[in-house]
PDB file of all heavy atoms in Angstrom:
ATOM      1  N   SER A   1     -76.855 -85.671 -85.591  1.00  0.00           N
ATOM      2  CA  SER A   1     -77.665 -86.251 -84.527  1.00  0.00           C
ATOM      3  C   SER A   1     -79.126 -86.394 -84.928  1.00  0.00           C
ATOM      4  O   SER A   1     -79.869 -87.153 -84.308  1.00  0.00           O
ATOM      5  CB  SER A   1     -77.552 -85.409 -83.239  1.00  0.00           C
ATOM      6  OG  SER A   1     -76.236 -85.473 -82.719  1.00  0.00           O
ATOM      7  N   GLY A   2     -79.551 -85.676 -85.966  1.00  0.00           N
ATOM      8  CA  GLY A   2     -80.916 -85.802 -86.457  1.00  0.00           C
ATOM      9  C   GLY A   2     -81.174 -87.126 -87.182  1.00  0.00           C
ATOM     10  O   GLY A   2     -82.322 -87.501 -87.381  1.00  0.00           O
ATOM     11  N   GLY A   3     -80.106 -87.772 -87.619  1.00  0.00           N
ATOM     12  CA  GLY A   3     -80.234 -89.092 -88.222  1.00  0.00           C
ATOM     13  C   GLY A   3     -80.538 -89.126 -89.702  1.00  0.00           C
ATOM     14  O   GLY A   3     -80.708 -90.205 -90.268  1.00  0.00           O
ATOM     15  N   GLU A   4     -80.570 -87.942 -90.353  1.00  0.00           N
ATOM     16  CA  GLU A   4     -80.938 -87.918 -91.763  1.00  0.00           C
ATOM     17  C   GLU A   4     -79.806 -87.470 -92.681  1.00  0.00           C
ATOM     18  O   GLU A   4     -79.988 -87.325 -93.885  1.00  0.00           O
ATOM     19  CB  GLU A   4     -82.128 -86.971 -91.986  1.00  0.00           C
ATOM     20  CG  GLU A   4     -83.370 -87.325 -91.147  1.00  0.00           C
ATOM     21  CD  GLU A   4     -83.964 -88.667 -91.503  1.00  0.00           C
ATOM     22  OE1 GLU A   4     -83.827 -89.093 -92.675  1.00  0.00           O
ATOM     23  OE2 GLU A   4     -84.534 -89.317 -90.622  1.00  0.00           O
ATOM     24  N   SER A   5     -78.608 -87.266 -92.148  1.00  0.00           N
ATOM     25  CA  SER A   5     -77.492 -86.700 -92.906  1.00  0.00           C
ATOM     26  C   SER A   5     -76.767 -87.698 -93.796  1.00  0.00           C
ATOM     27  O   SER A   5     -76.040 -87.322 -94.705  1.00  0.00           O
ATOM     28  CB  SER A   5     -76.460 -86.054 -91.972  1.00  0.00           C
ATOM     29  OG  SER A   5     -75.820 -87.052 -91.193  1.00  0.00           O
ATOM     30  N   GLY A   6     -76.902 -88.978 -93.501  1.00  0.00           N
ATOM     31  CA  GLY A   6     -76.125 -90.010 -94.198  1.00  0.00           C
ATOM     32  C   GLY A   6     -74.814 -90.287 -93.512  1.00  0.00           C
ATOM     33  O   GLY A   6     -74.164 -91.294 -93.790  1.00  0.00           O
ATOM     34  N   HIS A   7     -74.412 -89.387 -92.617  1.00  0.00           N
ATOM     35  CA  HIS A   7     -73.150 -89.593 -91.908  1.00  0.00           C
ATOM     36  C   HIS A   7     -73.293 -90.635 -90.819  1.00  0.00           C
ATOM     37  O   HIS A   7     -74.366 -90.836 -90.256  1.00  0.00           O
ATOM     38  CB  HIS A   7     -72.700 -88.274 -91.231  1.00  0.00           C
ATOM     39  CG  HIS A   7     -72.109 -87.276 -92.157  1.00  0.00           C
ATOM     40  ND1 HIS A   7     -70.889 -87.488 -92.786  1.00  0.00           N
ATOM     41  CD2 HIS A   7     -72.547 -86.049 -92.543  1.00  0.00           C
ATOM     42  CE1 HIS A   7     -70.584 -86.413 -93.528  1.00  0.00           C
ATOM     43  NE2 HIS A   7     -71.571 -85.531 -93.419  1.00  0.00           N
ATOM     44  N   ALA A   8     -72.167 -91.278 -90.516  1.00  0.00           N
ATOM     45  CA  ALA A   8     -72.032 -92.056 -89.300  1.00  0.00           C
ATOM     46  C   ALA A   8     -71.038 -91.341 -88.396  1.00  0.00           C
ATOM     47  O   ALA A   8     -70.096 -90.712 -88.901  1.00  0.00           O
ATOM     48  CB  ALA A   8     -71.506 -93.458 -89.620  1.00  0.00           C
ATOM     49  N   GLU A   9     -71.264 -91.407 -87.119  1.00  0.00           N
ATOM     50  CA  GLU A   9     -70.220 -90.927 -86.194  1.00  0.00           C
ATOM     51  C   GLU A   9     -69.066 -91.876 -86.378  1.00  0.00           C
ATOM     52  O   GLU A   9     -69.184 -93.087 -86.140  1.00  0.00           O
ATOM     53  CB  GLU A   9     -70.728 -90.957 -84.749  1.00  0.00           C
ATOM     54  CG  GLU A   9     -71.736 -89.858 -84.452  1.00  0.00           C
ATOM     55  CD  GLU A   9     -71.915 -89.618 -82.953  1.00  0.00           C
ATOM     56  OE1 GLU A   9     -71.119 -90.151 -82.155  1.00  0.00           O
ATOM     57  OE2 GLU A   9     -72.857 -88.898 -82.592  1.00  0.00           O
ATOM     58  N   SER A  10     -67.932 -91.344 -86.815  1.00  0.00           N
ATOM     59  CA  SER A  10     -66.807 -92.199 -87.190  1.00  0.00           C
ATOM     60  C   SER A  10     -65.547 -91.791 -86.464  1.00  0.00           C
ATOM     61  O   SER A  10     -65.488 -90.741 -85.800  1.00  0.00           O
ATOM     62  CB  SER A  10     -66.585 -92.121 -88.719  1.00  0.00           C
ATOM     63  OG  SER A  10     -66.322 -90.777 -89.112  1.00  0.00           O
ATOM     64  N   VAL A  11     -64.547 -92.635 -86.603  1.00  0.00           N
ATOM     65  CA  VAL A  11     -63.253 -92.394 -85.944  1.00  0.00           C
ATOM     66  C   VAL A  11     -62.150 -92.629 -86.967  1.00  0.00           C
ATOM     67  O   VAL A  11     -62.074 -93.695 -87.578  1.00  0.00           O
ATOM     68  CB  VAL A  11     -63.093 -93.334 -84.732  1.00  0.00           C
ATOM     69  CG1 VAL A  11     -61.684 -93.165 -84.123  1.00  0.00           C
ATOM     70  CG2 VAL A  11     -64.145 -93.035 -83.651  1.00  0.00           C
ATOM     71  N   GLN A  12     -61.303 -91.636 -87.112  1.00  0.00           N
ATOM     72  CA  GLN A  12     -60.133 -91.743 -88.005  1.00  0.00           C
ATOM     73  C   GLN A  12     -58.923 -92.149 -87.150  1.00  0.00           C
ATOM     74  O   GLN A  12     -58.545 -91.440 -86.207  1.00  0.00           O
ATOM     75  CB  GLN A  12     -59.861 -90.414 -88.675  1.00  0.00           C
ATOM     76  CG  GLN A  12     -58.701 -90.429 -89.672  1.00  0.00           C
ATOM     77  CD  GLN A  12     -58.369 -89.034 -90.174  1.00  0.00           C
ATOM     78  OE1 GLN A  12     -57.936 -88.180 -89.393  1.00  0.00           O
ATOM     79  NE2 GLN A  12     -58.610 -88.796 -91.453  1.00  0.00           N
ATOM     80  N   VAL A  13     -58.366 -93.308 -87.460  1.00  0.00           N
ATOM     81  CA  VAL A  13     -57.251 -93.854 -86.668  1.00  0.00           C
ATOM     82  C   VAL A  13     -55.990 -93.867 -87.547  1.00  0.00           C
ATOM     83  O   VAL A  13     -55.955 -94.503 -88.583  1.00  0.00           O
ATOM     84  CB  VAL A  13     -57.557 -95.269 -86.176  1.00  0.00           C
ATOM     85  CG1 VAL A  13     -56.388 -95.853 -85.407  1.00  0.00           C
ATOM     86  CG2 VAL A  13     -58.826 -95.275 -85.321  1.00  0.00           C
ATOM     87  N   THR A  14     -54.974 -93.164 -87.062  1.00  0.00           N
ATOM     88  CA  THR A  14     -53.665 -93.206 -87.703  1.00  0.00           C
ATOM     89  C   THR A  14     -52.794 -94.132 -86.892  1.00  0.00           C
ATOM     90  O   THR A  14     -52.735 -94.039 -85.668  1.00  0.00           O
ATOM     91  CB  THR A  14     -53.039 -91.816 -87.781  1.00  0.00           C
ATOM     92  OG1 THR A  14     -53.926 -90.911 -88.464  1.00  0.00           O
ATOM     93  CG2 THR A  14     -51.715 -91.844 -88.529  1.00  0.00           C
ATOM     94  N   PHE A  15     -52.113 -95.056 -87.561  1.00  0.00           N
ATOM     95  CA  PHE A  15     -51.367 -96.083 -86.867  1.00  0.00           C
ATOM     96  C   PHE A  15     -50.081 -96.448 -87.594  1.00  0.00           C
ATOM     97  O   PHE A  15     -49.925 -96.160 -88.803  1.00  0.00           O
ATOM     98  CB  PHE A  15     -52.221 -97.330 -86.641  1.00  0.00           C
ATOM     99  CG  PHE A  15     -52.669 -98.019 -87.916  1.00  0.00           C
ATOM    100  CD1 PHE A  15     -52.043 -99.165 -88.377  1.00  0.00           C
ATOM    101  CD2 PHE A  15     -53.765 -97.541 -88.614  1.00  0.00           C
ATOM    102  CE1 PHE A  15     -52.474 -99.798 -89.541  1.00  0.00           C
ATOM    103  CE2 PHE A  15     -54.223 -98.161 -89.780  1.00  0.00           C
ATOM    104  CZ  PHE A  15     -53.560 -99.288 -90.242  1.00  0.00           C
ATOM    105  N   ASP A  16     -49.171 -97.065 -86.890  1.00  0.00           N
ATOM    106  CA  ASP A  16     -47.917 -97.561 -87.443  1.00  0.00           C
ATOM    107  C   ASP A  16     -48.086 -99.032 -87.773  1.00  0.00           C
ATOM    108  O   ASP A  16     -48.124 -99.868 -86.875  1.00  0.00           O
ATOM    109  CB  ASP A  16     -46.802 -97.373 -86.407  1.00  0.00           C
ATOM    110  CG  ASP A  16     -45.426 -97.806 -86.922  1.00  0.00           C
ATOM    111  OD1 ASP A  16     -45.376 -98.514 -87.944  1.00  0.00           O
ATOM    112  OD2 ASP A  16     -44.421 -97.429 -86.302  1.00  0.00           O
ATOM    113  N   PRO A  17     -48.202 -99.385 -89.051  1.00  0.00           N
ATOM    114  CA  PRO A  17     -48.485-100.777 -89.420  1.00  0.00           C
ATOM    115  C   PRO A  17     -47.329-101.738 -89.149  1.00  0.00           C
ATOM    116  O   PRO A  17     -47.501-102.953 -89.281  1.00  0.00           O
ATOM    117  CB  PRO A  17     -48.812-100.689 -90.912  1.00  0.00           C
ATOM    118  CG  PRO A  17     -48.140 -99.458 -91.379  1.00  0.00           C
ATOM    119  CD  PRO A  17     -48.190 -98.494 -90.232  1.00  0.00           C
ATOM    120  N   THR A  18     -46.176-101.203 -88.753  1.00  0.00           N
ATOM    121  CA  THR A  18     -45.083-102.110 -88.325  1.00  0.00           C
ATOM    122  C   THR A  18     -45.265-102.519 -86.883  1.00  0.00           C
ATOM    123  O   THR A  18     -44.581-103.425 -86.406  1.00  0.00           O
ATOM    124  CB  THR A  18     -43.713-101.411 -88.516  1.00  0.00           C
ATOM    125  OG1 THR A  18     -43.572-100.332 -87.582  1.00  0.00           O
ATOM    126  CG2 THR A  18     -43.509-100.923 -89.922  1.00  0.00           C
ATOM    127  N   GLN A  19     -46.193-101.849 -86.167  1.00  0.00           N
ATOM    128  CA  GLN A  19     -46.446-102.184 -84.762  1.00  0.00           C
ATOM    129  C   GLN A  19     -47.807-102.809 -84.550  1.00  0.00           C
ATOM    130  O   GLN A  19     -47.978-103.694 -83.697  1.00  0.00           O
ATOM    131  CB  GLN A  19     -46.354-100.910 -83.901  1.00  0.00           C
ATOM    132  CG  GLN A  19     -44.975-100.254 -83.886  1.00  0.00           C
ATOM    133  CD  GLN A  19     -44.958 -99.082 -82.910  1.00  0.00           C
ATOM    134  OE1 GLN A  19     -45.518 -99.138 -81.824  1.00  0.00           O
ATOM    135  NE2 GLN A  19     -44.304 -98.001 -83.337  1.00  0.00           N
ATOM    136  N   VAL A  20     -48.799-102.348 -85.294  1.00  0.00           N
ATOM    137  CA  VAL A  20     -50.149-102.893 -85.199  1.00  0.00           C
ATOM    138  C   VAL A  20     -50.732-102.898 -86.608  1.00  0.00           C
ATOM    139  O   VAL A  20     -50.615-101.905 -87.335  1.00  0.00           O
ATOM    140  CB  VAL A  20     -51.008-102.088 -84.236  1.00  0.00           C
ATOM    141  CG1 VAL A  20     -51.165-100.625 -84.681  1.00  0.00           C
ATOM    142  CG2 VAL A  20     -52.364-102.733 -84.008  1.00  0.00           C
ATOM    143  N   THR A  21     -51.356-103.981 -87.025  1.00  0.00           N
ATOM    144  CA  THR A  21     -51.849-104.077 -88.382  1.00  0.00           C
ATOM    145  C   THR A  21     -53.312-103.642 -88.470  1.00  0.00           C
ATOM    146  O   THR A  21     -54.012-103.535 -87.467  1.00  0.00           O
ATOM    147  CB  THR A  21     -51.743-105.514 -88.915  1.00  0.00           C
ATOM    148  OG1 THR A  21     -52.652-106.353 -88.188  1.00  0.00           O
ATOM    149  CG2 THR A  21     -50.309-106.057 -88.739  1.00  0.00           C
ATOM    150  N   TYR A  22     -53.748-103.426 -89.696  1.00  0.00           N
ATOM    151  CA  TYR A  22     -55.152-103.132 -89.922  1.00  0.00           C
ATOM    152  C   TYR A  22     -56.036-104.277 -89.421  1.00  0.00           C
ATOM    153  O   TYR A  22     -57.086-104.060 -88.815  1.00  0.00           O
ATOM    154  CB  TYR A  22     -55.410-102.874 -91.402  1.00  0.00           C
ATOM    155  CG  TYR A  22     -56.844-102.544 -91.764  1.00  0.00           C
ATOM    156  CD1 TYR A  22     -57.459-101.422 -91.240  1.00  0.00           C
ATOM    157  CD2 TYR A  22     -57.563-103.355 -92.628  1.00  0.00           C
ATOM    158  CE1 TYR A  22     -58.792-101.091 -91.583  1.00  0.00           C
ATOM    159  CE2 TYR A  22     -58.886-103.031 -92.988  1.00  0.00           C
ATOM    160  CZ  TYR A  22     -59.477-101.914 -92.451  1.00  0.00           C
ATOM    161  OH  TYR A  22     -60.779-101.587 -92.788  1.00  0.00           O
ATOM    162  N   GLY A  23     -55.570-105.502 -89.611  1.00  0.00           N
ATOM    163  CA  GLY A  23     -56.311-106.652 -89.114  1.00  0.00           C
ATOM    164  C   GLY A  23     -56.397-106.660 -87.599  1.00  0.00           C
ATOM    165  O   GLY A  23     -57.457-106.995 -87.033  1.00  0.00           O
ATOM    166  N   ASP A  24     -55.329-106.259 -86.929  1.00  0.00           N
ATOM    167  CA  ASP A  24     -55.361-106.140 -85.475  1.00  0.00           C
ATOM    168  C   ASP A  24     -56.439-105.152 -85.037  1.00  0.00           C
ATOM    169  O   ASP A  24     -57.200-105.387 -84.096  1.00  0.00           O
ATOM    170  CB  ASP A  24     -54.018-105.673 -84.926  1.00  0.00           C
ATOM    171  CG  ASP A  24     -52.902-106.694 -85.074  1.00  0.00           C
ATOM    172  OD1 ASP A  24     -53.209-107.914 -85.093  1.00  0.00           O
ATOM    173  OD2 ASP A  24     -51.734-106.293 -85.174  1.00  0.00           O
ATOM    174  N   LEU A  25     -56.470-103.993 -85.709  1.00  0.00           N
ATOM    175  CA  LEU A  25     -57.438-102.971 -85.351  1.00  0.00           C
ATOM    176  C   LEU A  25     -58.874-103.456 -85.616  1.00  0.00           C
ATOM    177  O   LEU A  25     -59.786-103.167 -84.836  1.00  0.00           O
ATOM    178  CB  LEU A  25     -57.163-101.701 -86.161  1.00  0.00           C
ATOM    179  CG  LEU A  25     -55.835-100.996 -85.900  1.00  0.00           C
ATOM    180  CD1 LEU A  25     -55.695 -99.742 -86.754  1.00  0.00           C
ATOM    181  CD2 LEU A  25     -55.665-100.639 -84.402  1.00  0.00           C
ATOM    182  N   LEU A  26     -59.070-104.201 -86.681  1.00  0.00           N
ATOM    183  CA  LEU A  26     -60.388-104.753 -86.960  1.00  0.00           C
ATOM    184  C   LEU A  26     -60.806-105.723 -85.858  1.00  0.00           C
ATOM    185  O   LEU A  26     -61.990-105.739 -85.430  1.00  0.00           O
ATOM    186  CB  LEU A  26     -60.388-105.480 -88.301  1.00  0.00           C
ATOM    187  CG  LEU A  26     -60.396-104.639 -89.567  1.00  0.00           C
ATOM    188  CD1 LEU A  26     -60.324-105.543 -90.796  1.00  0.00           C
ATOM    189  CD2 LEU A  26     -61.635-103.751 -89.660  1.00  0.00           C
ATOM    190  N   GLN A  27     -59.874-106.520 -85.355  1.00  0.00           N
ATOM    191  CA  GLN A  27     -60.210-107.451 -84.301  1.00  0.00           C
ATOM    192  C   GLN A  27     -60.622-106.719 -83.029  1.00  0.00           C
ATOM    193  O   GLN A  27     -61.616-107.090 -82.377  1.00  0.00           O
ATOM    194  CB  GLN A  27     -59.001-108.377 -84.010  1.00  0.00           C
ATOM    195  CG  GLN A  27     -59.358-109.533 -83.068  1.00  0.00           C
ATOM    196  CD  GLN A  27     -58.183-110.478 -82.833  1.00  0.00           C
ATOM    197  OE1 GLN A  27     -57.031-110.174 -83.179  1.00  0.00           O
ATOM    198  NE2 GLN A  27     -58.470-111.623 -82.243  1.00  0.00           N
ATOM    199  N   VAL A  28     -59.936-105.649 -82.692  1.00  0.00           N
ATOM    200  CA  VAL A  28     -60.322-104.816 -81.543  1.00  0.00           C
ATOM    201  C   VAL A  28     -61.688-104.162 -81.783  1.00  0.00           C
ATOM    202  O   VAL A  28     -62.546-104.129 -80.881  1.00  0.00           O
ATOM    203  CB  VAL A  28     -59.263-103.723 -81.259  1.00  0.00           C
ATOM    204  CG1 VAL A  28     -59.738-102.719 -80.248  1.00  0.00           C
ATOM    205  CG2 VAL A  28     -57.956-104.384 -80.779  1.00  0.00           C
ATOM    206  N   PHE A  29     -61.893-103.667 -82.994  1.00  0.00           N
ATOM    207  CA  PHE A  29     -63.142-102.998 -83.359  1.00  0.00           C
ATOM    208  C   PHE A  29     -64.330-103.943 -83.186  1.00  0.00           C
ATOM    209  O   PHE A  29     -65.337-103.595 -82.554  1.00  0.00           O
ATOM    210  CB  PHE A  29     -63.035-102.523 -84.818  1.00  0.00           C
ATOM    211  CG  PHE A  29     -64.293-101.957 -85.400  1.00  0.00           C
ATOM    212  CD1 PHE A  29     -64.806-100.751 -84.953  1.00  0.00           C
ATOM    213  CD2 PHE A  29     -64.964-102.613 -86.424  1.00  0.00           C
ATOM    214  CE1 PHE A  29     -65.968-100.209 -85.513  1.00  0.00           C
ATOM    215  CE2 PHE A  29     -66.105-102.091 -87.003  1.00  0.00           C
ATOM    216  CZ  PHE A  29     -66.610-100.880 -86.534  1.00  0.00           C
ATOM    217  N   PHE A  30     -64.236-105.159 -83.718  1.00  0.00           N
ATOM    218  CA  PHE A  30     -65.363-106.078 -83.653  1.00  0.00           C
ATOM    219  C   PHE A  30     -65.527-106.689 -82.263  1.00  0.00           C
ATOM    220  O   PHE A  30     -66.647-106.989 -81.845  1.00  0.00           O
ATOM    221  CB  PHE A  30     -65.173-107.205 -84.682  1.00  0.00           C
ATOM    222  CG  PHE A  30     -65.424-106.783 -86.093  1.00  0.00           C
ATOM    223  CD1 PHE A  30     -64.439-106.904 -87.066  1.00  0.00           C
ATOM    224  CD2 PHE A  30     -66.664-106.267 -86.492  1.00  0.00           C
ATOM    225  CE1 PHE A  30     -64.682-106.526 -88.390  1.00  0.00           C
ATOM    226  CE2 PHE A  30     -66.908-105.872 -87.810  1.00  0.00           C
ATOM    227  CZ  PHE A  30     -65.907-106.009 -88.748  1.00  0.00           C
TER     228      PHE A  30
END
C-alpha cells in the first residue's frame, strides 16, 4: 500500500479452459 514495493494488487484465477478461455477472461478483464 506504500506504493514502492514494485508489486501490483493482483488476482490469480484458476479456470477450466474447456469452459472459458483465456481470451474470454481477458475480454471480461478489459
